Amino acid sequence: MNPIKRVQVVSSLVEGTSINAMVRIRGADNHMIINMLEDMGCAFSAHLHRNVRGLRVRHLQCDEI
């Protein structure tokens, strides 16, 4: 998948578009999208592990995404 299409897929996923909708809208392969999600999760986990340390959190608010 070319870099432009990868950015479009990631942007749509971040906005909450379903995998099935991504297959229809972007013409991407279902398994490719799932693999991208796995890669993104691993990269984000590594980023947090390296960069987010020693926080003193009293209140934490997250939305459903």
PDB file of N, CA and C in Angstrom:
ATOM      1  N   MET A   1       0.860  -1.175   0.000  1.00  0.00           N
ATOM      2  CA  MET A   1       0.000   0.000   0.000  1.00  0.00           C
ATOM      3  C   MET A   1       0.902   1.233   0.000  1.00  0.00           C
ATOM      4  N   ASN A   2       0.584   2.185  -0.845  1.00  0.00           N
ATOM      5  CA  ASN A   2       1.422   3.384  -0.931  1.00  0.00           C
ATOM      6  C   ASN A   2       1.237   4.270   0.305  1.00  0.00           C
ATOM      7  N   PRO A   3       2.207   5.125   0.596  1.00  0.00           N
ATOM      8  CA  PRO A   3       2.162   5.941   1.825  1.00  0.00           C
ATOM      9  C   PRO A   3       0.939   6.852   1.911  1.00  0.00           C
ATOM     10  N   ILE A   4       0.484   7.383   0.802  1.00  0.00           N
ATOM     11  CA  ILE A   4      -0.687   8.274   0.828  1.00  0.00           C
ATOM     12  C   ILE A   4      -1.927   7.503   1.251  1.00  0.00           C
ATOM     13  N   LYS A   5      -2.098   6.305   0.705  1.00  0.00           N
ATOM     14  CA  LYS A   5      -3.257   5.488   1.064  1.00  0.00           C
ATOM     15  C   LYS A   5      -3.175   5.049   2.522  1.00  0.00           C
ATOM     16  N   ARG A   6      -1.960   4.749   3.005  1.00  0.00           N
ATOM     17  CA  ARG A   6      -1.792   4.375   4.414  1.00  0.00           C
ATOM     18  C   ARG A   6      -2.221   5.513   5.334  1.00  0.00           C
ATOM     19  N   VAL A   7      -1.836   6.737   4.981  1.00  0.00           N
ATOM     20  CA  VAL A   7      -2.231   7.904   5.781  1.00  0.00           C
ATOM     21  C   VAL A   7      -3.748   8.070   5.767  1.00  0.00           C
ATOM     22  N   GLN A   8      -4.370   7.876   4.617  1.00  0.00           N
ATOM     23  CA  GLN A   8      -5.827   7.985   4.527  1.00  0.00           C
ATOM     24  C   GLN A   8      -6.514   6.935   5.389  1.00  0.00           C
ATOM     25  N   VAL A   9      -6.008   5.713   5.354  1.00  0.00           N
ATOM     26  CA  VAL A   9      -6.589   4.636   6.162  1.00  0.00           C
ATOM     27  C   VAL A   9      -6.431   4.942   7.650  1.00  0.00           C
ATOM     28  N   VAL A  10      -5.236   5.344   8.070  1.00  0.00           N
ATOM     29  CA  VAL A  10      -5.003   5.652   9.481  1.00  0.00           C
ATOM     30  C   VAL A  10      -5.883   6.815   9.925  1.00  0.00           C
ATOM     31  N   SER A  11      -5.983   7.850   9.111  1.00  0.00           N
ATOM     32  CA  SER A  11      -6.824   9.004   9.457  1.00  0.00           C
ATOM     33  C   SER A  11      -8.281   8.592   9.630  1.00  0.00           C
ATOM     34  N   SER A  12      -8.761   7.758   8.732  1.00  0.00           N
ATOM     35  CA  SER A  12     -10.150   7.305   8.840  1.00  0.00           C
ATOM     36  C   SER A  12     -10.362   6.428  10.062  1.00  0.00           C
ATOM     37  N   LEU A  13      -9.399   5.563  10.362  1.00  0.00           N
ATOM     38  CA  LEU A  13      -9.523   4.713  11.548  1.00  0.00           C
ATOM     39  C   LEU A  13      -9.536   5.544  12.822  1.00  0.00           C
ATOM     40  N   VAL A  14      -8.690   6.573  12.872  1.00  0.00           N
ATOM     41  CA  VAL A  14      -8.644   7.451  14.046  1.00  0.00           C
ATOM     42  C   VAL A  14      -9.981   8.160  14.238  1.00  0.00           C
ATOM     43  N   GLU A  15     -10.656   8.463  13.140  1.00  0.00           N
ATOM     44  CA  GLU A  15     -11.957   9.130  13.217  1.00  0.00           C
ATOM     45  C   GLU A  15     -13.088   8.169  13.573  1.00  0.00           C
ATOM     46  N   GLY A  16     -12.775   6.870  13.635  1.00  0.00           N
ATOM     47  CA  GLY A  16     -13.788   5.905  14.069  1.00  0.00           C
ATOM     48  C   GLY A  16     -14.466   5.143  12.952  1.00  0.00           C
ATOM     49  N   THR A  17     -13.945   5.219  11.746  1.00  0.00           N
ATOM     50  CA  THR A  17     -14.521   4.474  10.640  1.00  0.00           C
ATOM     51  C   THR A  17     -14.251   2.984  10.839  1.00  0.00           C
ATOM     52  N   SER A  18     -15.248   2.152  10.591  1.00  0.00           N
ATOM     53  CA  SER A  18     -15.083   0.712  10.794  1.00  0.00           C
ATOM     54  C   SER A  18     -14.187   0.109   9.717  1.00  0.00           C
ATOM     55  N   ILE A  19     -13.679  -1.068  10.017  1.00  0.00           N
ATOM     56  CA  ILE A  19     -12.810  -1.761   9.059  1.00  0.00           C
ATOM     57  C   ILE A  19     -13.585  -2.094   7.792  1.00  0.00           C
ATOM     58  N   ASN A  20     -14.802  -2.574   7.940  1.00  0.00           N
ATOM     59  CA  ASN A  20     -15.603  -2.907   6.753  1.00  0.00           C
ATOM     60  C   ASN A  20     -15.863  -1.679   5.896  1.00  0.00           C
ATOM     61  N   ALA A  21     -16.113  -0.537   6.534  1.00  0.00           N
ATOM     62  CA  ALA A  21     -16.318   0.701   5.771  1.00  0.00           C
ATOM     63  C   ALA A  21     -15.032   1.102   5.059  1.00  0.00           C
ATOM     64  N   MET A  22     -13.885   0.875   5.712  1.00  0.00           N
ATOM     65  CA  MET A  22     -12.609   1.206   5.078  1.00  0.00           C
ATOM     66  C   MET A  22     -12.378   0.367   3.833  1.00  0.00           C
ATOM     67  N   VAL A  23     -12.777  -0.895   3.886  1.00  0.00           N
ATOM     68  CA  VAL A  23     -12.637  -1.765   2.716  1.00  0.00           C
ATOM     69  C   VAL A  23     -13.475  -1.213   1.567  1.00  0.00           C
ATOM     70  N   ARG A  24     -14.685  -0.784   1.859  1.00  0.00           N
ATOM     71  CA  ARG A  24     -15.567  -0.244   0.816  1.00  0.00           C
ATOM     72  C   ARG A  24     -15.103   1.120   0.321  1.00  0.00           C
ATOM     73  N   ILE A  25     -14.773   2.028   1.243  1.00  0.00           N
ATOM     74  CA  ILE A  25     -14.456   3.413   0.871  1.00  0.00           C
ATOM     75  C   ILE A  25     -13.088   3.523   0.215  1.00  0.00           C
ATOM     76  N   ARG A  26     -12.080   2.944   0.824  1.00  0.00           N
ATOM     77  CA  ARG A  26     -10.700   3.120   0.368  1.00  0.00           C
ATOM     78  C   ARG A  26     -10.219   2.012  -0.558  1.00  0.00           C
ATOM     79  N   GLY A  27     -10.986   0.923  -0.655  1.00  0.00           N
ATOM     80  CA  GLY A  27     -10.572  -0.182  -1.501  1.00  0.00           C
ATOM     81  C   GLY A  27      -9.368  -0.929  -0.954  1.00  0.00           C
ATOM     82  N   ALA A  28      -9.179  -0.858   0.350  1.00  0.00           N
ATOM     83  CA  ALA A  28      -8.047  -1.522   0.995  1.00  0.00           C
ATOM     84  C   ALA A  28      -8.444  -2.951   1.369  1.00  0.00           C
ATOM     85  N   ASP A  29      -7.453  -3.796   1.518  1.00  0.00           N
ATOM     86  CA  ASP A  29      -7.671  -5.181   1.904  1.00  0.00           C
ATOM     87  C   ASP A  29      -7.946  -5.270   3.406  1.00  0.00           C
ATOM     88  N   ASN A  30      -8.908  -6.085   3.779  1.00  0.00           N
ATOM     89  CA  ASN A  30      -9.313  -6.259   5.177  1.00  0.00           C
ATOM     90  C   ASN A  30      -8.129  -6.667   6.052  1.00  0.00           C
ATOM     91  N   HIS A  31      -7.361  -7.652   5.619  1.00  0.00           N
ATOM     92  CA  HIS A  31      -6.231  -8.140   6.411  1.00  0.00           C
ATOM     93  C   HIS A  31      -5.134  -7.075   6.519  1.00  0.00           C
ATOM     94  N   MET A  32      -4.963  -6.279   5.475  1.00  0.00           N
ATOM     95  CA  MET A  32      -3.959  -5.224   5.504  1.00  0.00           C
ATOM     96  C   MET A  32      -4.318  -4.171   6.560  1.00  0.00           C
ATOM     97  N   ILE A  33      -5.600  -3.837   6.654  1.00  0.00           N
ATOM     98  CA  ILE A  33      -6.048  -2.856   7.650  1.00  0.00           C
ATOM     99  C   ILE A  33      -5.827  -3.399   9.053  1.00  0.00           C
ATOM    100  N   ILE A  34      -6.147  -4.664   9.266  1.00  0.00           N
ATOM    101  CA  ILE A  34      -5.951  -5.272  10.585  1.00  0.00           C
ATOM    102  C   ILE A  34      -4.466  -5.302  10.942  1.00  0.00           C
ATOM    103  N   ASN A  35      -3.621  -5.629   9.977  1.00  0.00           N
ATOM    104  CA  ASN A  35      -2.170  -5.623  10.232  1.00  0.00           C
ATOM    105  C   ASN A  35      -1.676  -4.216  10.544  1.00  0.00           C
ATOM    106  N   MET A  36      -2.208  -3.209   9.845  1.00  0.00           N
ATOM    107  CA  MET A  36      -1.836  -1.816  10.136  1.00  0.00           C
ATOM    108  C   MET A  36      -2.238  -1.441  11.554  1.00  0.00           C
ATOM    109  N   LEU A  37      -3.429  -1.856  11.984  1.00  0.00           N
ATOM    110  CA  LEU A  37      -3.880  -1.574  13.351  1.00  0.00           C
ATOM    111  C   LEU A  37      -2.942  -2.201  14.377  1.00  0.00           C
ATOM    112  N   GLU A  38      -2.531  -3.429  14.110  1.00  0.00           N
ATOM    113  CA  GLU A  38      -1.603  -4.098  15.022  1.00  0.00           C
ATOM    114  C   GLU A  38      -0.264  -3.363  15.078  1.00  0.00           C
ATOM    115  N   ASP A  39       0.255  -2.975  13.919  1.00  0.00           N
ATOM    116  CA  ASP A  39       1.521  -2.230  13.867  1.00  0.00           C
ATOM    117  C   ASP A  39       1.399  -0.897  14.592  1.00  0.00           C
ATOM    118  N   MET A  40       0.268  -0.205  14.399  1.00  0.00           N
ATOM    119  CA  MET A  40       0.053   1.088  15.070  1.00  0.00           C
ATOM    120  C   MET A  40       0.008   0.902  16.579  1.00  0.00           C
ATOM    121  N   GLY A  41      -0.665  -0.146  17.036  1.00  0.00           N
ATOM    122  CA  GLY A  41      -0.745  -0.409  18.468  1.00  0.00           C
ATOM    123  C   GLY A  41       0.615  -0.674  19.086  1.00  0.00           C
ATOM    124  N   CYS A  42       1.429  -1.458  18.399  1.00  0.00           N
ATOM    125  CA  CYS A  42       2.783  -1.755  18.896  1.00  0.00           C
ATOM    126  C   CYS A  42       3.648  -0.493  18.931  1.00  0.00           C
ATOM    127  N   ALA A  43       3.553   0.314  17.874  1.00  0.00           N
ATOM    128  CA  ALA A  43       4.342   1.559  17.816  1.00  0.00           C
ATOM    129  C   ALA A  43       3.903   2.524  18.906  1.00  0.00           C
ATOM    130  N   PHE A  44       2.598   2.644  19.122  1.00  0.00           N
ATOM    131  CA  PHE A  44       2.092   3.557  20.146  1.00  0.00           C
ATOM    132  C   PHE A  44       2.484   3.078  21.537  1.00  0.00           C
ATOM    133  N   SER A  45       2.409   1.781  21.760  1.00  0.00           N
ATOM    134  CA  SER A  45       2.810   1.224  23.049  1.00  0.00           C
ATOM    135  C   SER A  45       4.286   1.495  23.325  1.00  0.00           C
ATOM    136  N   ALA A  46       5.126   1.311  22.319  1.00  0.00           N
ATOM    137  CA  ALA A  46       6.561   1.569  22.483  1.00  0.00           C
ATOM    138  C   ALA A  46       6.814   3.054  22.744  1.00  0.00           C
ATOM    139  N   HIS A  47       6.092   3.916  22.048  1.00  0.00           N
ATOM    140  CA  HIS A  47       6.238   5.367  22.253  1.00  0.00           C
ATOM    141  C   HIS A  47       5.871   5.743  23.687  1.00  0.00           C
ATOM    142  N   LEU A  48       4.744   5.238  24.170  1.00  0.00           N
ATOM    143  CA  LEU A  48       4.334   5.540  25.542  1.00  0.00           C
ATOM    144  C   LEU A  48       5.348   5.004  26.545  1.00  0.00           C
ATOM    145  N   HIS A  49       5.838   3.806  26.315  1.00  0.00           N
ATOM    146  CA  HIS A  49       6.804   3.201  27.226  1.00  0.00           C
ATOM    147  C   HIS A  49       8.089   4.039  27.311  1.00  0.00           C
ATOM    148  N   ARG A  50       8.518   4.595  26.174  1.00  0.00           N
ATOM    149  CA  ARG A  50       9.748   5.403  26.142  1.00  0.00           C
ATOM    150  C   ARG A  50       9.539   6.812  26.693  1.00  0.00           C
ATOM    151  N   ASN A  51       8.391   7.424  26.443  1.00  0.00           N
ATOM    152  CA  ASN A  51       8.236   8.858  26.657  1.00  0.00           C
ATOM    153  C   ASN A  51       7.310   9.282  27.790  1.00  0.00           C
ATOM    154  N   VAL A  52       6.466   8.405  28.260  1.00  0.00           N
ATOM    155  CA  VAL A  52       5.524   8.799  29.316  1.00  0.00           C
ATOM    156  C   VAL A  52       5.931   8.082  30.593  1.00  0.00           C
ATOM    157  N   ARG A  53       6.604   8.824  31.459  1.00  0.00           N
ATOM    158  CA  ARG A  53       7.145   8.259  32.701  1.00  0.00           C
ATOM    159  C   ARG A  53       6.892   9.209  33.869  1.00  0.00           C
ATOM    160  N   GLY A  54       6.714   8.645  35.027  1.00  0.00           N
ATOM    161  CA  GLY A  54       6.678   9.410  36.264  1.00  0.00           C
ATOM    162  C   GLY A  54       5.541  10.428  36.389  1.00  0.00           C
ATOM    163  N   LEU A  55       4.407  10.148  35.779  1.00  0.00           N
ATOM    164  CA  LEU A  55       3.290  11.080  35.889  1.00  0.00           C
ATOM    165  C   LEU A  55       2.563  10.881  37.210  1.00  0.00           C
ATOM    166  N   ARG A  56       2.193  11.999  37.807  1.00  0.00           N
ATOM    167  CA  ARG A  56       1.349  11.939  39.004  1.00  0.00           C
ATOM    168  C   ARG A  56      -0.040  12.377  38.582  1.00  0.00           C
ATOM    169  N   VAL A  57      -0.905  11.414  38.403  1.00  0.00           N
ATOM    170  CA  VAL A  57      -2.234  11.673  37.864  1.00  0.00           C
ATOM    171  C   VAL A  57      -3.259  11.602  38.980  1.00  0.00           C
ATOM    172  N   ARG A  58      -4.004  12.679  39.122  1.00  0.00           N
ATOM    173  CA  ARG A  58      -5.099  12.674  40.094  1.00  0.00           C
ATOM    174  C   ARG A  58      -6.418  12.351  39.411  1.00  0.00           C
ATOM    175  N   HIS A  59      -6.595  12.859  38.201  1.00  0.00           N
ATOM    176  CA  HIS A  59      -7.828  12.626  37.445  1.00  0.00           C
ATOM    177  C   HIS A  59      -7.437  12.269  36.004  1.00  0.00           C
ATOM    178  N   LEU A  60      -8.123  11.294  35.457  1.00  0.00           N
ATOM    179  CA  LEU A  60      -7.870  10.890  34.088  1.00  0.00           C
ATOM    180  C   LEU A  60      -9.219  10.764  33.391  1.00  0.00           C
ATOM    181  N   GLN A  61      -9.332  11.384  32.234  1.00  0.00           N
ATOM    182  CA  GLN A  61     -10.579  11.314  31.483  1.00  0.00           C
ATOM    183  C   GLN A  61     -10.277  10.806  30.080  1.00  0.00           C
ATOM    184  N   CYS A  62     -11.023   9.798  29.649  1.00  0.00           N
ATOM    185  CA  CYS A  62     -10.857   9.222  28.314  1.00  0.00           C
ATOM    186  C   CYS A  62     -12.225   9.119  27.655  1.00  0.00           C
ATOM    187  N   ASP A  63     -12.242   9.285  26.345  1.00  0.00           N
ATOM    188  CA  ASP A  63     -13.505   9.040  25.646  1.00  0.00           C
ATOM    189  C   ASP A  63     -13.498   7.623  25.098  1.00  0.00           C
ATOM    190  N   GLU A  64     -14.567   7.256  24.404  1.00  0.00           N
ATOM    191  CA  GLU A  64     -14.728   5.863  23.977  1.00  0.00           C
ATOM    192  C   GLU A  64     -13.719   5.436  22.917  1.00  0.00           C
ATOM    193  N   ILE A  65     -13.099   6.370  22.225  1.00  0.00           N
ATOM    194  CA  ILE A  65     -12.133   6.003  21.191  1.00  0.00           C
ATOM    195  C   ILE A  65     -10.833   5.698  21.857  1.00  0.00           C
TER     196      ILE A  65
END
